[in-house]
Amino acid sequence: MHTVAAARGHGVARAVLTRLLEHAQNLGITRVSLETGSAAEFGPARELYASAGFEVCGPFADYVASPHNTFMTKALPHGE
């Protein structure tokens, strides 16, 4: 996810992430995982994901770990 500079600090990324997680939960998805960069400029994204309950995890699907990426995952409540 990337937010253009002019829109940063207005909650756009958090609103998009919240809506995506709600939609995933409504579809019955029980886990959402993501890959993001590990460089300093991706720090705000990692902080956003962590604040939304994502935790660092290992690679998933066909991803391969490298010094350039960070993997995160979040279990979604089900049956609610």
PDB file of N, CA and C in Angstrom:
ATOM      1  N   MET A   1       0.853  -1.166   0.000  1.00  0.00           N
ATOM      2  CA  MET A   1       0.000   0.000   0.000  1.00  0.00           C
ATOM      3  C   MET A   1       0.894   1.224   0.000  1.00  0.00           C
ATOM      4  N   HIS A   2       0.551   2.201  -0.805  1.00  0.00           N
ATOM      5  CA  HIS A   2       1.314   3.443  -0.846  1.00  0.00           C
ATOM      6  C   HIS A   2       0.333   4.604  -0.824  1.00  0.00           C
ATOM      7  N   THR A   3       0.599   5.560   0.014  1.00  0.00           N
ATOM      8  CA  THR A   3      -0.228   6.765   0.093  1.00  0.00           C
ATOM      9  C   THR A   3       0.599   7.935  -0.423  1.00  0.00           C
ATOM     10  N   VAL A   4       0.066   8.678  -1.362  1.00  0.00           N
ATOM     11  CA  VAL A   4       0.791   9.828  -1.894  1.00  0.00           C
ATOM     12  C   VAL A   4       1.033  10.835  -0.775  1.00  0.00           C
ATOM     13  N   ALA A   5       2.113  11.567  -0.886  1.00  0.00           N
ATOM     14  CA  ALA A   5       2.537  12.487   0.171  1.00  0.00           C
ATOM     15  C   ALA A   5       1.425  13.439   0.599  1.00  0.00           C
ATOM     16  N   ALA A   6       0.668  13.969  -0.334  1.00  0.00           N
ATOM     17  CA  ALA A   6      -0.373  14.950  -0.015  1.00  0.00           C
ATOM     18  C   ALA A   6      -1.491  14.367   0.851  1.00  0.00           C
ATOM     19  N   ALA A   7      -1.661  13.044   0.815  1.00  0.00           N
ATOM     20  CA  ALA A   7      -2.746  12.417   1.577  1.00  0.00           C
ATOM     21  C   ALA A   7      -2.271  11.798   2.888  1.00  0.00           C
ATOM     22  N   ARG A   8      -0.988  11.808   3.127  1.00  0.00           N
ATOM     23  CA  ARG A   8      -0.456  11.184   4.343  1.00  0.00           C
ATOM     24  C   ARG A   8      -0.894  11.939   5.582  1.00  0.00           C
ATOM     25  N   GLY A   9      -1.117  11.179   6.635  1.00  0.00           N
ATOM     26  CA  GLY A   9      -1.503  11.786   7.907  1.00  0.00           C
ATOM     27  C   GLY A   9      -2.981  12.064   8.036  1.00  0.00           C
ATOM     28  N   HIS A  10      -3.767  11.623   7.054  1.00  0.00           N
ATOM     29  CA  HIS A  10      -5.212  11.866   7.086  1.00  0.00           C
ATOM     30  C   HIS A  10      -6.015  10.600   7.322  1.00  0.00           C
ATOM     31  N   GLY A  11      -5.333   9.495   7.625  1.00  0.00           N
ATOM     32  CA  GLY A  11      -6.027   8.260   7.921  1.00  0.00           C
ATOM     33  C   GLY A  11      -6.463   7.455   6.711  1.00  0.00           C
ATOM     34  N   VAL A  12      -5.968   7.812   5.532  1.00  0.00           N
ATOM     35  CA  VAL A  12      -6.383   7.120   4.311  1.00  0.00           C
ATOM     36  C   VAL A  12      -5.944   5.653   4.345  1.00  0.00           C
ATOM     37  N   ALA A  13      -4.683   5.404   4.632  1.00  0.00           N
ATOM     38  CA  ALA A  13      -4.177   4.026   4.646  1.00  0.00           C
ATOM     39  C   ALA A  13      -4.897   3.189   5.704  1.00  0.00           C
ATOM     40  N   ARG A  14      -5.108   3.759   6.882  1.00  0.00           N
ATOM     41  CA  ARG A  14      -5.807   3.024   7.937  1.00  0.00           C
ATOM     42  C   ARG A  14      -7.240   2.704   7.510  1.00  0.00           C
ATOM     43  N   ALA A  15      -7.917   3.642   6.869  1.00  0.00           N
ATOM     44  CA  ALA A  15      -9.291   3.409   6.415  1.00  0.00           C
ATOM     45  C   ALA A  15      -9.331   2.302   5.362  1.00  0.00           C
ATOM     46  N   VAL A  16      -8.392   2.309   4.430  1.00  0.00           N
ATOM     47  CA  VAL A  16      -8.344   1.273   3.401  1.00  0.00           C
ATOM     48  C   VAL A  16      -8.059  -0.083   4.047  1.00  0.00           C
ATOM     49  N   LEU A  17      -7.065  -0.137   4.941  1.00  0.00           N
ATOM     50  CA  LEU A  17      -6.725  -1.388   5.612  1.00  0.00           C
ATOM     51  C   LEU A  17      -7.903  -1.917   6.420  1.00  0.00           C
ATOM     52  N   THR A  18      -8.570  -1.053   7.157  1.00  0.00           N
ATOM     53  CA  THR A  18      -9.726  -1.461   7.954  1.00  0.00           C
ATOM     54  C   THR A  18     -10.811  -2.049   7.066  1.00  0.00           C
ATOM     55  N   ARG A  19     -11.091  -1.388   5.963  1.00  0.00           N
ATOM     56  CA  ARG A  19     -12.138  -1.877   5.046  1.00  0.00           C
ATOM     57  C   ARG A  19     -11.753  -3.217   4.432  1.00  0.00           C
ATOM     58  N   LEU A  20     -10.488  -3.369   4.043  1.00  0.00           N
ATOM     59  CA  LEU A  20     -10.040  -4.642   3.471  1.00  0.00           C
ATOM     60  C   LEU A  20     -10.156  -5.782   4.487  1.00  0.00           C
ATOM     61  N   LEU A  21      -9.783  -5.511   5.732  1.00  0.00           N
ATOM     62  CA  LEU A  21      -9.890  -6.536   6.770  1.00  0.00           C
ATOM     63  C   LEU A  21     -11.352  -6.889   7.051  1.00  0.00           C
ATOM     64  N   GLU A  22     -12.226  -5.885   7.079  1.00  0.00           N
ATOM     65  CA  GLU A  22     -13.657  -6.141   7.271  1.00  0.00           C
ATOM     66  C   GLU A  22     -14.205  -6.993   6.134  1.00  0.00           C
ATOM     67  N   HIS A  23     -13.829  -6.669   4.919  1.00  0.00           N
ATOM     68  CA  HIS A  23     -14.298  -7.411   3.752  1.00  0.00           C
ATOM     69  C   HIS A  23     -13.800  -8.855   3.804  1.00  0.00           C
ATOM     70  N   ALA A  24     -12.537  -9.040   4.137  1.00  0.00           N
ATOM     71  CA  ALA A  24     -11.977 -10.391   4.249  1.00  0.00           C
ATOM     72  C   ALA A  24     -12.745 -11.191   5.302  1.00  0.00           C
ATOM     73  N   GLN A  25     -13.009 -10.578   6.435  1.00  0.00           N
ATOM     74  CA  GLN A  25     -13.744 -11.266   7.501  1.00  0.00           C
ATOM     75  C   GLN A  25     -15.152 -11.619   7.037  1.00  0.00           C
ATOM     76  N   ASN A  26     -15.807 -10.700   6.341  1.00  0.00           N
ATOM     77  CA  ASN A  26     -17.157 -10.975   5.826  1.00  0.00           C
ATOM     78  C   ASN A  26     -17.166 -12.132   4.834  1.00  0.00           C
ATOM     79  N   LEU A  27     -16.055 -12.340   4.144  1.00  0.00           N
ATOM     80  CA  LEU A  27     -15.933 -13.451   3.199  1.00  0.00           C
ATOM     81  C   LEU A  27     -15.585 -14.766   3.897  1.00  0.00           C
ATOM     82  N   GLY A  28     -15.354 -14.707   5.201  1.00  0.00           N
ATOM     83  CA  GLY A  28     -15.015 -15.907   5.948  1.00  0.00           C
ATOM     84  C   GLY A  28     -13.531 -16.215   5.976  1.00  0.00           C
ATOM     85  N   ILE A  29     -12.729 -15.297   5.520  1.00  0.00           N
ATOM     86  CA  ILE A  29     -11.275 -15.481   5.545  1.00  0.00           C
ATOM     87  C   ILE A  29     -10.820 -15.388   6.999  1.00  0.00           C
ATOM     88  N   THR A  30      -9.968 -16.295   7.412  1.00  0.00           N
ATOM     89  CA  THR A  30      -9.554 -16.343   8.815  1.00  0.00           C
ATOM     90  C   THR A  30      -8.132 -15.858   9.053  1.00  0.00           C
ATOM     91  N   ARG A  31      -7.387 -15.602   7.986  1.00  0.00           N
ATOM     92  CA  ARG A  31      -6.024 -15.084   8.141  1.00  0.00           C
ATOM     93  C   ARG A  31      -5.677 -14.234   6.926  1.00  0.00           C
ATOM     94  N   VAL A  32      -5.050 -13.084   7.189  1.00  0.00           N
ATOM     95  CA  VAL A  32      -4.561 -12.205   6.130  1.00  0.00           C
ATOM     96  C   VAL A  32      -3.066 -12.045   6.348  1.00  0.00           C
ATOM     97  N   SER A  33      -2.293 -12.261   5.287  1.00  0.00           N
ATOM     98  CA  SER A  33      -0.840 -12.116   5.362  1.00  0.00           C
ATOM     99  C   SER A  33      -0.400 -11.142   4.287  1.00  0.00           C
ATOM    100  N   LEU A  34       0.694 -10.451   4.554  1.00  0.00           N
ATOM    101  CA  LEU A  34       1.185  -9.458   3.604  1.00  0.00           C
ATOM    102  C   LEU A  34       2.701  -9.448   3.588  1.00  0.00           C
ATOM    103  N   GLU A  35       3.217  -8.885   2.519  1.00  0.00           N
ATOM    104  CA  GLU A  35       4.653  -8.667   2.362  1.00  0.00           C
ATOM    105  C   GLU A  35       4.851  -7.184   2.142  1.00  0.00           C
ATOM    106  N   THR A  36       5.838  -6.625   2.829  1.00  0.00           N
ATOM    107  CA  THR A  36       6.170  -5.223   2.653  1.00  0.00           C
ATOM    108  C   THR A  36       7.683  -5.086   2.709  1.00  0.00           C
ATOM    109  N   GLY A  37       8.167  -3.907   2.427  1.00  0.00           N
ATOM    110  CA  GLY A  37       9.606  -3.691   2.438  1.00  0.00           C
ATOM    111  C   GLY A  37      10.165  -3.607   3.847  1.00  0.00           C
ATOM    112  N   SER A  38      11.466  -3.823   3.944  1.00  0.00           N
ATOM    113  CA  SER A  38      12.127  -3.730   5.246  1.00  0.00           C
ATOM    114  C   SER A  38      12.986  -2.477   5.371  1.00  0.00           C
ATOM    115  N   ALA A  39      13.109  -1.699   4.302  1.00  0.00           N
ATOM    116  CA  ALA A  39      13.887  -0.465   4.342  1.00  0.00           C
ATOM    117  C   ALA A  39      13.182   0.583   5.201  1.00  0.00           C
ATOM    118  N   ALA A  40      13.921   1.573   5.622  1.00  0.00           N
ATOM    119  CA  ALA A  40      13.392   2.613   6.513  1.00  0.00           C
ATOM    120  C   ALA A  40      12.135   3.287   5.969  1.00  0.00           C
ATOM    121  N   GLU A  41      12.068   3.503   4.666  1.00  0.00           N
ATOM    122  CA  GLU A  41      10.896   4.202   4.115  1.00  0.00           C
ATOM    123  C   GLU A  41       9.612   3.393   4.242  1.00  0.00           C
ATOM    124  N   PHE A  42       9.727   2.095   4.528  1.00  0.00           N
ATOM    125  CA  PHE A  42       8.547   1.260   4.759  1.00  0.00           C
ATOM    126  C   PHE A  42       8.176   1.192   6.239  1.00  0.00           C
ATOM    127  N   GLY A  43       8.930   1.863   7.087  1.00  0.00           N
ATOM    128  CA  GLY A  43       8.660   1.879   8.522  1.00  0.00           C
ATOM    129  C   GLY A  43       7.239   2.289   8.865  1.00  0.00           C
ATOM    130  N   PRO A  44       6.728   3.387   8.287  1.00  0.00           N
ATOM    131  CA  PRO A  44       5.347   3.770   8.600  1.00  0.00           C
ATOM    132  C   PRO A  44       4.332   2.690   8.222  1.00  0.00           C
ATOM    133  N   ALA A  45       4.557   2.003   7.131  1.00  0.00           N
ATOM    134  CA  ALA A  45       3.639   0.929   6.736  1.00  0.00           C
ATOM    135  C   ALA A  45       3.702  -0.208   7.747  1.00  0.00           C
ATOM    136  N   ARG A  46       4.900  -0.608   8.138  1.00  0.00           N
ATOM    137  CA  ARG A  46       5.031  -1.687   9.126  1.00  0.00           C
ATOM    138  C   ARG A  46       4.374  -1.290  10.448  1.00  0.00           C
ATOM    139  N   GLU A  47       4.529  -0.035  10.840  1.00  0.00           N
ATOM    140  CA  GLU A  47       3.894   0.451  12.072  1.00  0.00           C
ATOM    141  C   GLU A  47       2.375   0.416  11.957  1.00  0.00           C
ATOM    142  N   LEU A  48       1.852   0.805  10.807  1.00  0.00           N
ATOM    143  CA  LEU A  48       0.405   0.752  10.579  1.00  0.00           C
ATOM    144  C   LEU A  48      -0.088  -0.684  10.708  1.00  0.00           C
ATOM    145  N   TYR A  49       0.568  -1.603  10.032  1.00  0.00           N
ATOM    146  CA  TYR A  49       0.145  -2.995  10.078  1.00  0.00           C
ATOM    147  C   TYR A  49       0.234  -3.544  11.495  1.00  0.00           C
ATOM    148  N   ALA A  50       1.304  -3.241  12.196  1.00  0.00           N
ATOM    149  CA  ALA A  50       1.456  -3.719  13.581  1.00  0.00           C
ATOM    150  C   ALA A  50       0.342  -3.152  14.463  1.00  0.00           C
ATOM    151  N   SER A  51       0.004  -1.888  14.268  1.00  0.00           N
ATOM    152  CA  SER A  51      -1.046  -1.273  15.086  1.00  0.00           C
ATOM    153  C   SER A  51      -2.420  -1.871  14.785  1.00  0.00           C
ATOM    154  N   ALA A  52      -2.550  -2.510  13.621  1.00  0.00           N
ATOM    155  CA  ALA A  52      -3.807  -3.158  13.245  1.00  0.00           C
ATOM    156  C   ALA A  52      -3.814  -4.628  13.659  1.00  0.00           C
ATOM    157  N   GLY A  53      -2.758  -5.069  14.356  1.00  0.00           N
ATOM    158  CA  GLY A  53      -2.733  -6.430  14.861  1.00  0.00           C
ATOM    159  C   GLY A  53      -1.904  -7.410  14.057  1.00  0.00           C
ATOM    160  N   PHE A  54      -1.239  -6.947  13.015  1.00  0.00           N
ATOM    161  CA  PHE A  54      -0.372  -7.835  12.245  1.00  0.00           C
ATOM    162  C   PHE A  54       0.895  -8.111  13.035  1.00  0.00           C
ATOM    163  N   GLU A  55       1.398  -9.340  12.902  1.00  0.00           N
ATOM    164  CA  GLU A  55       2.635  -9.745  13.551  1.00  0.00           C
ATOM    165  C   GLU A  55       3.613 -10.238  12.492  1.00  0.00           C
ATOM    166  N   VAL A  56       4.891 -10.026  12.736  1.00  0.00           N
ATOM    167  CA  VAL A  56       5.919 -10.495  11.818  1.00  0.00           C
ATOM    168  C   VAL A  56       5.871 -12.016  11.766  1.00  0.00           C
ATOM    169  N   CYS A  57       6.012 -12.560  10.561  1.00  0.00           N
ATOM    170  CA  CYS A  57       5.995 -14.005  10.364  1.00  0.00           C
ATOM    171  C   CYS A  57       7.020 -14.362   9.292  1.00  0.00           C
ATOM    172  N   GLY A  58       7.102 -15.624   8.986  1.00  0.00           N
ATOM    173  CA  GLY A  58       7.985 -16.076   7.930  1.00  0.00           C
ATOM    174  C   GLY A  58       7.336 -15.929   6.567  1.00  0.00           C
ATOM    175  N   PRO A  59       8.093 -16.216   5.516  1.00  0.00           N
ATOM    176  CA  PRO A  59       7.544 -16.130   4.156  1.00  0.00           C
ATOM    177  C   PRO A  59       6.370 -17.096   3.978  1.00  0.00           C
ATOM    178  N   PHE A  60       5.493 -16.767   3.069  1.00  0.00           N
ATOM    179  CA  PHE A  60       4.336 -17.599   2.768  1.00  0.00           C
ATOM    180  C   PHE A  60       4.177 -17.658   1.256  1.00  0.00           C
ATOM    181  N   ALA A  61       3.317 -18.542   0.805  1.00  0.00           N
ATOM    182  CA  ALA A  61       3.082 -18.748  -0.633  1.00  0.00           C
ATOM    183  C   ALA A  61       4.434 -18.981  -1.319  1.00  0.00           C
ATOM    184  N   ASP A  62       4.690 -18.280  -2.396  1.00  0.00           N
ATOM    185  CA  ASP A  62       5.942 -18.473  -3.143  1.00  0.00           C
ATOM    186  C   ASP A  62       7.006 -17.450  -2.789  1.00  0.00           C
ATOM    187  N   TYR A  63       6.769 -16.653  -1.757  1.00  0.00           N
ATOM    188  CA  TYR A  63       7.757 -15.648  -1.369  1.00  0.00           C
ATOM    189  C   TYR A  63       9.016 -16.317  -0.826  1.00  0.00           C
ATOM    190  N   VAL A  64      10.129 -15.631  -1.021  1.00  0.00           N
ATOM    191  CA  VAL A  64      11.414 -16.059  -0.476  1.00  0.00           C
ATOM    192  C   VAL A  64      11.932 -14.922   0.389  1.00  0.00           C
ATOM    193  N   ALA A  65      12.374 -15.252   1.581  1.00  0.00           N
ATOM    194  CA  ALA A  65      12.890 -14.227   2.491  1.00  0.00           C
ATOM    195  C   ALA A  65      14.148 -13.593   1.907  1.00  0.00           C
ATOM    196  N   SER A  66      14.268 -12.295   2.121  1.00  0.00           N
ATOM    197  CA  SER A  66      15.468 -11.562   1.736  1.00  0.00           C
ATOM    198  C   SER A  66      15.609 -10.389   2.698  1.00  0.00           C
ATOM    199  N   PRO A  67      16.737  -9.703   2.664  1.00  0.00           N
ATOM    200  CA  PRO A  67      16.897  -8.540   3.535  1.00  0.00           C
ATOM    201  C   PRO A  67      15.971  -7.381   3.141  1.00  0.00           C
ATOM    202  N   HIS A  68      15.295  -7.510   2.013  1.00  0.00           N
ATOM    203  CA  HIS A  68      14.489  -6.408   1.488  1.00  0.00           C
ATOM    204  C   HIS A  68      13.004  -6.519   1.777  1.00  0.00           C
ATOM    205  N   ASN A  69      12.585  -7.627   2.401  1.00  0.00           N
ATOM    206  CA  ASN A  69      11.153  -7.735   2.655  1.00  0.00           C
ATOM    207  C   ASN A  69      10.861  -8.184   4.076  1.00  0.00           C
ATOM    208  N   THR A  70       9.651  -7.846   4.502  1.00  0.00           N
ATOM    209  CA  THR A  70       9.128  -8.212   5.814  1.00  0.00           C
ATOM    210  C   THR A  70       7.779  -8.859   5.577  1.00  0.00           C
ATOM    211  N   PHE A  71       7.526  -9.955   6.267  1.00  0.00           N
ATOM    212  CA  PHE A  71       6.261 -10.666   6.149  1.00  0.00           C
ATOM    213  C   PHE A  71       5.484 -10.478   7.446  1.00  0.00           C
ATOM    214  N   MET A  72       4.187 -10.261   7.309  1.00  0.00           N
ATOM    215  CA  MET A  72       3.340 -10.051   8.474  1.00  0.00           C
ATOM    216  C   MET A  72       2.031 -10.801   8.271  1.00  0.00           C
ATOM    217  N   THR A  73       1.402 -11.197   9.379  1.00  0.00           N
ATOM    218  CA  THR A  73       0.151 -11.934   9.294  1.00  0.00           C
ATOM    219  C   THR A  73      -0.773 -11.543  10.440  1.00  0.00           C
ATOM    220  N   LYS A  74      -2.062 -11.756  10.225  1.00  0.00           N
ATOM    221  CA  LYS A  74      -3.066 -11.440  11.249  1.00  0.00           C
ATOM    222  C   LYS A  74      -4.198 -12.452  11.134  1.00  0.00           C
ATOM    223  N   ALA A  75      -4.531 -13.075  12.250  1.00  0.00           N
ATOM    224  CA  ALA A  75      -5.699 -13.950  12.299  1.00  0.00           C
ATOM    225  C   ALA A  75      -6.939 -13.081  12.445  1.00  0.00           C
ATOM    226  N   LEU A  76      -7.974 -13.419  11.715  1.00  0.00           N
ATOM    227  CA  LEU A  76      -9.237 -12.681  11.796  1.00  0.00           C
ATOM    228  C   LEU A  76     -10.238 -13.475  12.611  1.00  0.00           C
ATOM    229  N   PRO A  77     -11.036 -12.784  13.417  1.00  0.00           N
ATOM    230  CA  PRO A  77     -12.090 -13.481  14.172  1.00  0.00           C
ATOM    231  C   PRO A  77     -13.067 -14.135  13.193  1.00  0.00           C
ATOM    232  N   HIS A  78     -13.628 -15.230  13.574  1.00  0.00           N
ATOM    233  CA  HIS A  78     -14.619 -15.881  12.729  1.00  0.00           C
ATOM    234  C   HIS A  78     -15.879 -16.164  13.526  1.00  0.00           C
ATOM    235  N   GLY A  79     -16.968 -16.314  12.802  1.00  0.00           N
ATOM    236  CA  GLY A  79     -18.228 -16.628  13.452  1.00  0.00           C
ATOM    237  C   GLY A  79     -18.865 -15.459  14.163  1.00  0.00           C
ATOM    238  N   GLU A  80     -18.498 -14.244  13.796  1.00  0.00           N
ATOM    239  CA  GLU A  80     -19.101 -13.074  14.443  1.00  0.00           C
ATOM    240  C   GLU A  80     -19.948 -12.321  13.472  1.00  0.00           C
TER     241      GLU A  80
END
